[in-house]
């Protein structure tokens, strides 16, 4: 079960690298962060949790900023 969460997180991360629009990359990255955070929580890995909380916060900030500025690249 735990390993499956890691595989799903990895697959979503890989899918993010296939996108060319930055907006799509940010959305996919945010989803992968949620899976990585779950994986980190299941294994008790604070470094994985902290890094992905940080990345998720940054991606959300950038998505909100893009929406306000009207820039969806």
Protein backbone atom coordinates (compact mmCIF):
# COMPACT_ATOMS: atom_id res chain seq x y z
CA UNK A 1 0.00 0.00 0.00
CA UNK A 2 2.68 2.51 1.02
CA UNK A 3 4.85 1.57 -1.92
CA UNK A 4 1.89 2.09 -4.25
CA UNK A 5 1.53 5.69 -3.01
CA UNK A 6 5.21 6.23 -3.84
CA UNK A 7 4.77 4.78 -7.32
CA UNK A 8 1.73 6.97 -7.96
CA UNK A 9 3.64 10.04 -6.74
CA UNK A 10 6.52 9.16 -9.05
CA UNK A 11 4.23 8.64 -12.04
CA UNK A 12 2.47 11.96 -11.50
CA UNK A 13 5.82 13.72 -11.15
CA UNK A 14 6.97 12.16 -14.44
CA UNK A 15 3.76 13.23 -16.18
CA UNK A 16 4.45 16.80 -15.04
CA UNK A 17 7.74 16.75 -16.93
CA UNK A 18 5.91 15.94 -20.18
CA UNK A 19 3.82 19.13 -20.13
CA UNK A 20 4.93 22.23 -21.99
CA UNK A 21 2.54 24.78 -20.46
CA UNK A 22 3.84 26.10 -17.15
CA UNK A 23 0.30 26.37 -15.76
CA UNK A 24 -0.24 22.64 -16.33
CA UNK A 25 3.15 21.81 -14.82
CA UNK A 26 2.21 23.73 -11.66
CA UNK A 27 -1.12 21.94 -11.31
CA UNK A 28 0.40 18.49 -11.86
CA UNK A 29 3.27 19.34 -9.51
CA UNK A 30 0.75 20.32 -6.84
CA UNK A 31 -1.04 17.00 -7.19
CA UNK A 32 2.23 15.08 -7.01
CA UNK A 33 3.18 17.02 -3.87
CA UNK A 34 0.02 15.77 -2.18
CA UNK A 35 0.96 12.18 -2.96
CA UNK A 36 4.57 12.73 -1.85
CA UNK A 37 3.32 14.25 1.41
CA UNK A 38 1.08 11.22 1.98
CA UNK A 39 4.02 8.94 1.23
CA UNK A 40 6.21 10.86 3.67
CA UNK A 41 3.53 10.71 6.35
CA UNK A 42 3.00 6.98 5.90
CA UNK A 43 6.74 6.35 6.28
CA UNK A 44 7.36 9.04 8.88
CA UNK A 45 9.81 10.98 6.70
CA UNK A 46 9.78 14.63 7.83
CA UNK A 47 12.21 15.73 5.10
CA UNK A 48 9.86 14.49 2.36
CA UNK A 49 6.87 16.12 4.05
CA UNK A 50 8.59 19.48 4.61
CA UNK A 51 9.98 19.68 1.08
CA UNK A 52 6.64 18.90 -0.53
CA UNK A 53 4.68 21.25 1.72
CA UNK A 54 7.15 23.94 0.65
CA UNK A 55 6.86 23.12 -3.04
CA UNK A 56 3.05 22.94 -2.81
CA UNK A 57 2.89 26.35 -1.11
CA UNK A 58 5.10 27.84 -3.81
CA UNK A 59 3.05 26.30 -6.62
CA UNK A 60 -0.22 27.54 -5.10
CA UNK A 61 1.26 31.02 -4.67
CA UNK A 62 2.42 31.06 -8.31
CA UNK A 63 -0.95 29.76 -9.59
CA UNK A 64 -2.81 32.47 -7.68
CA UNK A 65 -0.38 35.12 -8.92
CA UNK A 66 -0.77 33.90 -12.52
CA UNK A 67 -4.55 34.05 -12.21
CA UNK A 68 -4.47 37.60 -10.81
CA UNK A 69 -2.03 38.75 -13.50
CA UNK A 70 -3.91 36.94 -16.25
CA UNK A 71 -0.79 35.01 -17.29
CA UNK A 72 -1.43 31.38 -18.12
CA UNK A 73 1.59 30.15 -20.04
